[in-house]
Amino acid sequence: MKIWTVAAVFVTMFLFQGASEANTCNEVTDEVIRKHLALDTFTVMSKRELNGLCEVFINTENRVLSFYGNKKFLISGEMFENGGSLTESMLYKINKSVLKSSISEVESCAVFSYSPAVVKTEKTLYMFTDPLCPFCNRIGGEIKVLSDRMGFKVKILLLNVHGEKGREKCIEAVCRNSVNPSFDFIEYNKPEWKKSGTRKEFVCPKGTELVDKTDKLSEKLGIDSVPFFFVNDGRHVSGASIEDVELLFNAGE
């Protein structure tokens, strides 16, 4: 599943060598962006000269959007070169930086932690999951096995993507852990409690507050699908591929 959706417009352009490329991004000021996009509120996340244009990434209403142009125009889209997306590559770098700088907020939203018998790395795997997500439930057990083999710690955040029923189960998981700490990541991964109705003792203020807090954090980080994983340096992957998760620990910094 892909996150941080960027509006895609495929544009073929013949660029003429005229004005100095070095000045292009200097001319794409906040005022220029505001004028062309008719936006009042936005944050510029990245600007760089690229193939004669200025590439600009902005964040508006927790959406990251890319544009290409100069002081006269801005095109919403994605730039490709030699079979690869330059836009997607830069977007990954931006999101990597945002995730890395948000570790403390992520830690404060973690519901469960899992630590293998032998810890072999300082890296921690952060997992956003939903109790009613079948893909999350499939990979949950695999994450424990991978953690035991590779020696990394895991911290789990509950992000509801299944409506009111999903929200109810996220709250229940937090409250079950509060009532009985033995309801840990291993117990969370068991399917029985996810299928049963929620009892009153498993509906608590702490659960509601933490689920709401995680929801707001996910909006800030642009995470709108689960499962989603990242490690301390911000490298990340979405989807239920255990091979992709393992690469977060095998890949270089």
C-alpha atoms as a PDB file:
ATOM      1  CA  MET A   1       0.000   0.000   0.000  1.00  0.00           C
ATOM      2  CA  LYS A   2       1.351   3.424  -0.876  1.00  0.00           C
ATOM      3  CA  ILE A   3       1.174   6.482   1.361  1.00  0.00           C
ATOM      4  CA  TRP A   4       1.855  10.160   0.973  1.00  0.00           C
ATOM      5  CA  THR A   5      -0.088  10.291  -2.332  1.00  0.00           C
ATOM      6  CA  VAL A   6       1.326  12.770  -4.865  1.00  0.00           C
ATOM      7  CA  ALA A   7      -0.966  13.957  -7.657  1.00  0.00           C
ATOM      8  CA  ALA A   8       0.511  12.505 -10.840  1.00  0.00           C
ATOM      9  CA  VAL A   9       0.508  14.399 -14.132  1.00  0.00           C
ATOM     10  CA  PHE A  10       2.814  13.033 -16.800  1.00  0.00           C
ATOM     11  CA  VAL A  11       4.326  15.904 -18.756  1.00  0.00           C
ATOM     12  CA  THR A  12       6.697  15.821 -21.719  1.00  0.00           C
ATOM     13  CA  MET A  13       8.556  19.083 -22.046  1.00  0.00           C
ATOM     14  CA  PHE A  14      11.239  20.480 -24.352  1.00  0.00           C
ATOM     15  CA  LEU A  15      13.272  22.797 -22.165  1.00  0.00           C
ATOM     16  CA  PHE A  16      15.133  25.653 -23.773  1.00  0.00           C
ATOM     17  CA  GLN A  17      18.404  26.787 -22.329  1.00  0.00           C
ATOM     18  CA  GLY A  18      17.839  30.424 -21.562  1.00  0.00           C
ATOM     19  CA  ALA A  19      17.732  32.009 -18.145  1.00  0.00           C
ATOM     20  CA  SER A  20      20.204  30.787 -15.596  1.00  0.00           C
ATOM     21  CA  GLU A  21      18.963  27.595 -13.894  1.00  0.00           C
ATOM     22  CA  ALA A  22      20.690  28.627 -10.696  1.00  0.00           C
ATOM     23  CA  ASN A  23      18.123  31.360 -10.144  1.00  0.00           C
ATOM     24  CA  THR A  24      14.989  29.291 -10.763  1.00  0.00           C
ATOM     25  CA  CYS A  25      14.333  28.157  -7.194  1.00  0.00           C
ATOM     26  CA  ASN A  26      15.331  31.539  -5.787  1.00  0.00           C
ATOM     27  CA  GLU A  27      12.478  33.027  -7.797  1.00  0.00           C
ATOM     28  CA  VAL A  28       9.930  30.451  -6.589  1.00  0.00           C
ATOM     29  CA  THR A  29       9.177  32.245  -3.346  1.00  0.00           C
ATOM     30  CA  ASP A  30       6.319  31.624  -0.922  1.00  0.00           C
ATOM     31  CA  GLU A  31       4.484  34.504  -2.576  1.00  0.00           C
ATOM     32  CA  VAL A  32       4.853  32.880  -6.010  1.00  0.00           C
ATOM     33  CA  ILE A  33       3.604  29.545  -4.664  1.00  0.00           C
ATOM     34  CA  ARG A  34       0.684  31.223  -2.937  1.00  0.00           C
ATOM     35  CA  LYS A  35      -0.250  33.074  -6.122  1.00  0.00           C
ATOM     36  CA  HIS A  36      -0.148  30.098  -8.485  1.00  0.00           C
ATOM     37  CA  LEU A  37      -1.713  27.532  -6.160  1.00  0.00           C
ATOM     38  CA  ALA A  38      -4.204  29.850  -4.449  1.00  0.00           C
ATOM     39  CA  LEU A  39      -3.173  28.484  -1.050  1.00  0.00           C
ATOM     40  CA  ASP A  40      -3.180  30.436   2.191  1.00  0.00           C
ATOM     41  CA  THR A  41      -1.498  27.891   4.434  1.00  0.00           C
ATOM     42  CA  PHE A  42       1.391  25.640   3.446  1.00  0.00           C
ATOM     43  CA  THR A  43       4.941  24.743   4.406  1.00  0.00           C
ATOM     44  CA  VAL A  44       7.765  24.369   1.906  1.00  0.00           C
ATOM     45  CA  MET A  45       9.480  21.071   2.694  1.00  0.00           C
ATOM     46  CA  SER A  46      12.009  20.967  -0.137  1.00  0.00           C
ATOM     47  CA  LYS A  47      13.196  22.989  -3.141  1.00  0.00           C
ATOM     48  CA  ARG A  48      15.866  22.067  -5.692  1.00  0.00           C
ATOM     49  CA  GLU A  49      16.876  22.821  -9.282  1.00  0.00           C
ATOM     50  CA  LEU A  50      16.013  19.856 -11.509  1.00  0.00           C
ATOM     51  CA  ASN A  51      16.302  19.623 -15.296  1.00  0.00           C
ATOM     52  CA  GLY A  52      15.806  23.330 -15.785  1.00  0.00           C
ATOM     53  CA  LEU A  53      12.888  23.642 -13.387  1.00  0.00           C
ATOM     54  CA  CYS A  54      12.470  24.177  -9.693  1.00  0.00           C
ATOM     55  CA  GLU A  55      11.096  21.121  -7.887  1.00  0.00           C
ATOM     56  CA  VAL A  56       9.022  22.151  -4.867  1.00  0.00           C
ATOM     57  CA  PHE A  57       7.473  19.930  -2.210  1.00  0.00           C
ATOM     58  CA  ILE A  58       4.908  21.541   0.056  1.00  0.00           C
ATOM     59  CA  ASN A  59       2.818  20.317   2.956  1.00  0.00           C
ATOM     60  CA  THR A  60      -0.748  21.593   3.083  1.00  0.00           C
ATOM     61  CA  GLU A  61      -3.383  20.154   5.401  1.00  0.00           C
ATOM     62  CA  ASN A  62      -1.070  17.195   6.118  1.00  0.00           C
ATOM     63  CA  ARG A  63      -0.724  16.373   2.418  1.00  0.00           C
ATOM     64  CA  VAL A  64       2.659  16.430   0.728  1.00  0.00           C
ATOM     65  CA  LEU A  65       2.441  17.642  -2.873  1.00  0.00           C
ATOM     66  CA  SER A  66       5.069  18.112  -5.574  1.00  0.00           C
ATOM     67  CA  PHE A  67       5.259  20.850  -8.194  1.00  0.00           C
ATOM     68  CA  TYR A  68       7.647  21.758 -11.006  1.00  0.00           C
ATOM     69  CA  GLY A  69       8.063  25.148 -12.641  1.00  0.00           C
ATOM     70  CA  ASN A  70       9.382  28.642 -12.160  1.00  0.00           C
ATOM     71  CA  LYS A  71       8.058  32.045 -11.180  1.00  0.00           C
ATOM     72  CA  LYS A  72       5.661  32.010 -14.160  1.00  0.00           C
ATOM     73  CA  PHE A  73       3.983  28.625 -13.616  1.00  0.00           C
ATOM     74  CA  LEU A  74       3.834  25.481 -11.447  1.00  0.00           C
ATOM     75  CA  ILE A  75       2.904  22.020 -12.712  1.00  0.00           C
ATOM     76  CA  SER A  76       1.566  19.396 -10.299  1.00  0.00           C
ATOM     77  CA  GLY A  77       3.095  16.071 -11.144  1.00  0.00           C
ATOM     78  CA  GLU A  78       5.860  13.518 -11.106  1.00  0.00           C
ATOM     79  CA  MET A  79       9.174  13.716 -12.942  1.00  0.00           C
ATOM     80  CA  PHE A  80      10.799  10.633 -14.423  1.00  0.00           C
ATOM     81  CA  GLU A  81      14.350  10.178 -15.664  1.00  0.00           C
ATOM     82  CA  ASN A  82      16.037   7.043 -17.025  1.00  0.00           C
ATOM     83  CA  GLY A  83      13.173   4.801 -15.958  1.00  0.00           C
ATOM     84  CA  GLY A  84      12.976   6.062 -12.384  1.00  0.00           C
ATOM     85  CA  SER A  85      10.837   8.600 -10.552  1.00  0.00           C
ATOM     86  CA  LEU A  86      12.905  11.512  -9.294  1.00  0.00           C
ATOM     87  CA  THR A  87       9.833  12.738  -7.434  1.00  0.00           C
ATOM     88  CA  GLU A  88       9.306   9.515  -5.528  1.00  0.00           C
ATOM     89  CA  SER A  89      12.972   9.353  -4.579  1.00  0.00           C
ATOM     90  CA  MET A  90      12.920  12.859  -3.099  1.00  0.00           C
ATOM     91  CA  LEU A  91       9.592  12.213  -1.376  1.00  0.00           C
ATOM     92  CA  TYR A  92      11.079   9.179   0.358  1.00  0.00           C
ATOM     93  CA  LYS A  93      13.986  11.309   1.622  1.00  0.00           C
ATOM     94  CA  ILE A  94      11.588  13.951   2.960  1.00  0.00           C
ATOM     95  CA  ASN A  95       9.420  11.398   4.744  1.00  0.00           C
ATOM     96  CA  LYS A  96      12.517   9.670   6.095  1.00  0.00           C
ATOM     97  CA  SER A  97      13.619  12.940   7.704  1.00  0.00           C
ATOM     98  CA  VAL A  98      10.146  13.598   9.157  1.00  0.00           C
ATOM     99  CA  LEU A  99       9.941  10.116  10.684  1.00  0.00           C
ATOM    100  CA  LYS A 100      13.431  10.345  12.168  1.00  0.00           C
ATOM    101  CA  SER A 101      12.629  13.674  13.828  1.00  0.00           C
ATOM    102  CA  SER A 102       9.340  12.325  15.265  1.00  0.00           C
ATOM    103  CA  ILE A 103      10.724   9.352  17.211  1.00  0.00           C
ATOM    104  CA  SER A 104       9.837  10.778  20.634  1.00  0.00           C
ATOM    105  CA  GLU A 105       6.205  11.375  19.601  1.00  0.00           C
ATOM    106  CA  VAL A 106       6.000   7.881  18.138  1.00  0.00           C
ATOM    107  CA  GLU A 107       7.437   6.385  21.333  1.00  0.00           C
ATOM    108  CA  SER A 108       4.756   8.141  23.387  1.00  0.00           C
ATOM    109  CA  CYS A 109       2.022   6.443  21.334  1.00  0.00           C
ATOM    110  CA  ALA A 110       3.399   2.901  21.527  1.00  0.00           C
ATOM    111  CA  VAL A 111       1.027   0.399  23.146  1.00  0.00           C
ATOM    112  CA  PHE A 112       3.151  -2.737  23.099  1.00  0.00           C
ATOM    113  CA  SER A 113       6.869  -3.429  23.127  1.00  0.00           C
ATOM    114  CA  TYR A 114       8.634  -6.654  22.286  1.00  0.00           C
ATOM    115  CA  SER A 115      12.253  -7.402  23.052  1.00  0.00           C
ATOM    116  CA  PRO A 116      14.008 -10.609  21.899  1.00  0.00           C
ATOM    117  CA  ALA A 117      16.030 -12.710  24.318  1.00  0.00           C
ATOM    118  CA  VAL A 118      19.235 -11.433  22.739  1.00  0.00           C
ATOM    119  CA  VAL A 119      19.305  -7.839  21.467  1.00  0.00           C
ATOM    120  CA  LYS A 120      21.811  -7.515  18.622  1.00  0.00           C
ATOM    121  CA  THR A 121      21.164  -3.987  17.346  1.00  0.00           C
ATOM    122  CA  GLU A 122      20.325  -0.551  18.681  1.00  0.00           C
ATOM    123  CA  LYS A 123      17.710  -0.123  15.969  1.00  0.00           C
ATOM    124  CA  THR A 124      14.048  -0.426  16.903  1.00  0.00           C
ATOM    125  CA  LEU A 125      11.259  -1.394  14.536  1.00  0.00           C
ATOM    126  CA  TYR A 126       8.144   0.784  14.843  1.00  0.00           C
ATOM    127  CA  MET A 127       4.979  -0.857  13.559  1.00  0.00           C
ATOM    128  CA  PHE A 128       1.650   0.861  12.874  1.00  0.00           C
ATOM    129  CA  THR A 129      -1.115  -1.744  12.855  1.00  0.00           C
ATOM    130  CA  ASP A 130      -4.871  -2.222  13.225  1.00  0.00           C
ATOM    131  CA  PRO A 131      -6.457  -5.210  15.065  1.00  0.00           C
ATOM    132  CA  LEU A 132      -8.934  -5.728  12.202  1.00  0.00           C
ATOM    133  CA  CYS A 133      -6.358  -5.497   9.400  1.00  0.00           C
ATOM    134  CA  PRO A 134      -5.886  -9.013   7.921  1.00  0.00           C
ATOM    135  CA  PHE A 135      -2.525  -8.106   6.387  1.00  0.00           C
ATOM    136  CA  CYS A 136      -1.319  -6.752   9.744  1.00  0.00           C
ATOM    137  CA  ASN A 137      -2.459  -9.894  11.538  1.00  0.00           C
ATOM    138  CA  ARG A 138      -0.687 -12.068   8.999  1.00  0.00           C
ATOM    139  CA  ILE A 139       2.643 -10.306   9.393  1.00  0.00           C
ATOM    140  CA  GLY A 140       2.400  -9.775  13.179  1.00  0.00           C
ATOM    141  CA  GLY A 141       3.635 -13.271  14.027  1.00  0.00           C
ATOM    142  CA  GLU A 142       6.332 -13.045  11.365  1.00  0.00           C
ATOM    143  CA  ILE A 143       7.617  -9.837  12.948  1.00  0.00           C
ATOM    144  CA  LYS A 144       8.173 -11.635  16.262  1.00  0.00           C
ATOM    145  CA  VAL A 145      10.087 -14.442  14.512  1.00  0.00           C
ATOM    146  CA  LEU A 146      12.204 -11.918  12.611  1.00  0.00           C
ATOM    147  CA  SER A 147      12.864  -9.957  15.812  1.00  0.00           C
ATOM    148  CA  ASP A 148      14.054 -13.104  17.582  1.00  0.00           C
ATOM    149  CA  ARG A 149      16.349 -13.990  14.678  1.00  0.00           C
ATOM    150  CA  MET A 150      17.805 -10.539  14.001  1.00  0.00           C
ATOM    151  CA  GLY A 151      17.770  -9.241  17.574  1.00  0.00           C
ATOM    152  CA  PHE A 152      15.860  -5.968  17.226  1.00  0.00           C
ATOM    153  CA  LYS A 153      13.230  -4.484  19.534  1.00  0.00           C
ATOM    154  CA  VAL A 154       9.697  -3.806  18.319  1.00  0.00           C
ATOM    155  CA  LYS A 155       7.249  -1.080  19.354  1.00  0.00           C
ATOM    156  CA  ILE A 156       3.626  -1.257  18.229  1.00  0.00           C
ATOM    157  CA  LEU A 157       1.221   1.611  17.607  1.00  0.00           C
ATOM    158  CA  LEU A 158      -2.492   1.103  16.960  1.00  0.00           C
ATOM    159  CA  LEU A 159      -3.860   3.093  14.040  1.00  0.00           C
ATOM    160  CA  ASN A 160      -7.539   2.644  13.229  1.00  0.00           C
ATOM    161  CA  VAL A 161      -8.322   2.309   9.519  1.00  0.00           C
ATOM    162  CA  HIS A 162     -11.508   0.233   9.913  1.00  0.00           C
ATOM    163  CA  GLY A 163     -14.098   2.752  11.017  1.00  0.00           C
ATOM    164  CA  GLU A 164     -15.897   2.652  14.346  1.00  0.00           C
ATOM    165  CA  LYS A 165     -15.400  -1.081  14.847  1.00  0.00           C
ATOM    166  CA  GLY A 166     -11.669  -0.719  14.260  1.00  0.00           C
ATOM    167  CA  ARG A 167     -11.486   2.187  16.678  1.00  0.00           C
ATOM    168  CA  GLU A 168     -13.325   0.117  19.295  1.00  0.00           C
ATOM    169  CA  LYS A 169     -10.829  -2.734  18.949  1.00  0.00           C
ATOM    170  CA  CYS A 170      -7.835  -0.380  19.115  1.00  0.00           C
ATOM    171  CA  ILE A 171      -9.184   1.093  22.359  1.00  0.00           C
ATOM    172  CA  GLU A 172      -9.887  -2.395  23.685  1.00  0.00           C
ATOM    173  CA  ALA A 173      -6.293  -3.481  23.062  1.00  0.00           C
ATOM    174  CA  VAL A 174      -4.954  -0.528  25.069  1.00  0.00           C
ATOM    175  CA  CYS A 175      -7.393  -1.148  27.910  1.00  0.00           C
ATOM    176  CA  ARG A 176      -6.740  -4.895  28.000  1.00  0.00           C
ATOM    177  CA  ASN A 177      -3.063  -4.121  28.478  1.00  0.00           C
ATOM    178  CA  SER A 178      -3.877  -1.589  31.229  1.00  0.00           C
ATOM    179  CA  VAL A 179      -6.051  -4.085  33.109  1.00  0.00           C
ATOM    180  CA  ASN A 180      -3.662  -6.974  32.583  1.00  0.00           C
ATOM    181  CA  PRO A 181      -0.045  -6.244  31.490  1.00  0.00           C
ATOM    182  CA  SER A 182       0.316  -9.900  30.457  1.00  0.00           C
ATOM    183  CA  PHE A 183      -1.810  -8.935  27.456  1.00  0.00           C
ATOM    184  CA  ASP A 184       1.325  -8.155  25.482  1.00  0.00           C
ATOM    185  CA  PHE A 185       2.346  -8.184  21.818  1.00  0.00           C
ATOM    186  CA  ILE A 186       2.189 -11.980  21.712  1.00  0.00           C
ATOM    187  CA  GLU A 187      -1.321 -12.051  23.174  1.00  0.00           C
ATOM    188  CA  TYR A 188      -2.344  -9.160  20.929  1.00  0.00           C
ATOM    189  CA  ASN A 189      -1.433 -11.237  17.872  1.00  0.00           C
ATOM    190  CA  LYS A 190      -3.832 -14.031  18.876  1.00  0.00           C
ATOM    191  CA  PRO A 191      -7.094 -13.891  16.874  1.00  0.00           C
ATOM    192  CA  GLU A 192      -9.658 -14.889  19.531  1.00  0.00           C
ATOM    193  CA  TRP A 193     -10.062 -11.533  21.286  1.00  0.00           C
ATOM    194  CA  LYS A 194     -10.360  -9.697  17.960  1.00  0.00           C
ATOM    195  CA  LYS A 195     -13.435 -11.754  17.050  1.00  0.00           C
ATOM    196  CA  SER A 196     -15.252 -11.410  20.375  1.00  0.00           C
ATOM    197  CA  GLY A 197     -17.396  -8.527  21.607  1.00  0.00           C
ATOM    198  CA  THR A 198     -15.845  -5.825  23.764  1.00  0.00           C
ATOM    199  CA  ARG A 199     -16.571  -5.980  27.489  1.00  0.00           C
ATOM    200  CA  LYS A 200     -17.095  -2.810  29.551  1.00  0.00           C
ATOM    201  CA  GLU A 201     -13.862  -3.192  31.479  1.00  0.00           C
ATOM    202  CA  PHE A 202     -11.974  -2.945  28.205  1.00  0.00           C
ATOM    203  CA  VAL A 203     -13.298   0.511  27.386  1.00  0.00           C
ATOM    204  CA  CYS A 204     -11.255   3.107  29.262  1.00  0.00           C
ATOM    205  CA  PRO A 205     -10.220   6.786  28.993  1.00  0.00           C
ATOM    206  CA  LYS A 206      -6.573   5.851  28.474  1.00  0.00           C
ATOM    207  CA  GLY A 207      -7.489   3.807  25.425  1.00  0.00           C
ATOM    208  CA  THR A 208      -9.553   6.595  23.899  1.00  0.00           C
ATOM    209  CA  GLU A 209      -6.853   9.204  24.522  1.00  0.00           C
ATOM    210  CA  LEU A 210      -4.040   7.087  23.093  1.00  0.00           C
ATOM    211  CA  VAL A 211      -5.973   6.063  19.988  1.00  0.00           C
ATOM    212  CA  ASP A 212      -6.924   9.697  19.311  1.00  0.00           C
ATOM    213  CA  LYS A 213      -3.319  10.787  19.866  1.00  0.00           C
ATOM    214  CA  THR A 214      -2.036   8.151  17.445  1.00  0.00           C
ATOM    215  CA  ASP A 215      -4.595   9.192  14.855  1.00  0.00           C
ATOM    216  CA  LYS A 216      -3.393  12.814  15.008  1.00  0.00           C
ATOM    217  CA  LEU A 217       0.231  11.705  14.817  1.00  0.00           C
ATOM    218  CA  SER A 218      -0.480   9.575  11.748  1.00  0.00           C
ATOM    219  CA  GLU A 219      -2.021  12.609  10.017  1.00  0.00           C
ATOM    220  CA  LYS A 220       1.102  14.624  10.767  1.00  0.00           C
ATOM    221  CA  LEU A 221       3.335  11.854   9.423  1.00  0.00           C
ATOM    222  CA  GLY A 222       1.112  11.190   6.407  1.00  0.00           C
ATOM    223  CA  ILE A 223       0.471   7.573   7.346  1.00  0.00           C
ATOM    224  CA  ASP A 224      -2.945   6.473   6.128  1.00  0.00           C
ATOM    225  CA  SER A 225      -2.540   2.724   5.600  1.00  0.00           C
ATOM    226  CA  VAL A 226      -1.332  -0.231   7.642  1.00  0.00           C
ATOM    227  CA  PRO A 227       0.830  -2.129   8.210  1.00  0.00           C
ATOM    228  CA  PHE A 228       3.525   0.519   8.134  1.00  0.00           C
ATOM    229  CA  PHE A 229       7.071   0.076   9.460  1.00  0.00           C
ATOM    230  CA  PHE A 230      10.087   2.274  10.051  1.00  0.00           C
ATOM    231  CA  VAL A 231      13.365   2.215  11.977  1.00  0.00           C
ATOM    232  CA  ASN A 232      15.256   4.872  13.937  1.00  0.00           C
ATOM    233  CA  ASP A 233      16.984   6.444  10.949  1.00  0.00           C
ATOM    234  CA  GLY A 234      13.635   7.026   9.239  1.00  0.00           C
ATOM    235  CA  ARG A 235      13.873   4.348   6.563  1.00  0.00           C
ATOM    236  CA  HIS A 236      10.404   2.936   6.083  1.00  0.00           C
ATOM    237  CA  VAL A 237       8.181   0.543   4.184  1.00  0.00           C
ATOM    238  CA  SER A 238       4.446  -0.052   3.927  1.00  0.00           C
ATOM    239  CA  GLY A 239       2.676  -3.336   3.246  1.00  0.00           C
ATOM    240  CA  ALA A 240       2.843  -6.865   4.581  1.00  0.00           C
ATOM    241  CA  SER A 241       6.117  -8.056   3.062  1.00  0.00           C
ATOM    242  CA  ILE A 242       8.405  -9.506   5.723  1.00  0.00           C
ATOM    243  CA  GLU A 243      11.248  -9.390   3.169  1.00  0.00           C
ATOM    244  CA  ASP A 244      10.855  -5.628   2.856  1.00  0.00           C
ATOM    245  CA  VAL A 245      10.884  -5.233   6.644  1.00  0.00           C
ATOM    246  CA  GLU A 246      14.072  -7.306   6.898  1.00  0.00           C
ATOM    247  CA  LEU A 247      15.749  -4.985   4.376  1.00  0.00           C
ATOM    248  CA  LEU A 248      15.299  -2.101   6.836  1.00  0.00           C
ATOM    249  CA  PHE A 249      17.922  -3.829   8.968  1.00  0.00           C
ATOM    250  CA  ASN A 250      20.138  -5.166   6.180  1.00  0.00           C
ATOM    251  CA  ALA A 251      20.312  -1.955   4.148  1.00  0.00           C
ATOM    252  CA  GLY A 252      23.001   0.623   4.803  1.00  0.00           C
ATOM    253  CA  GLU A 253      22.408   3.842   6.688  1.00  0.00           C
END
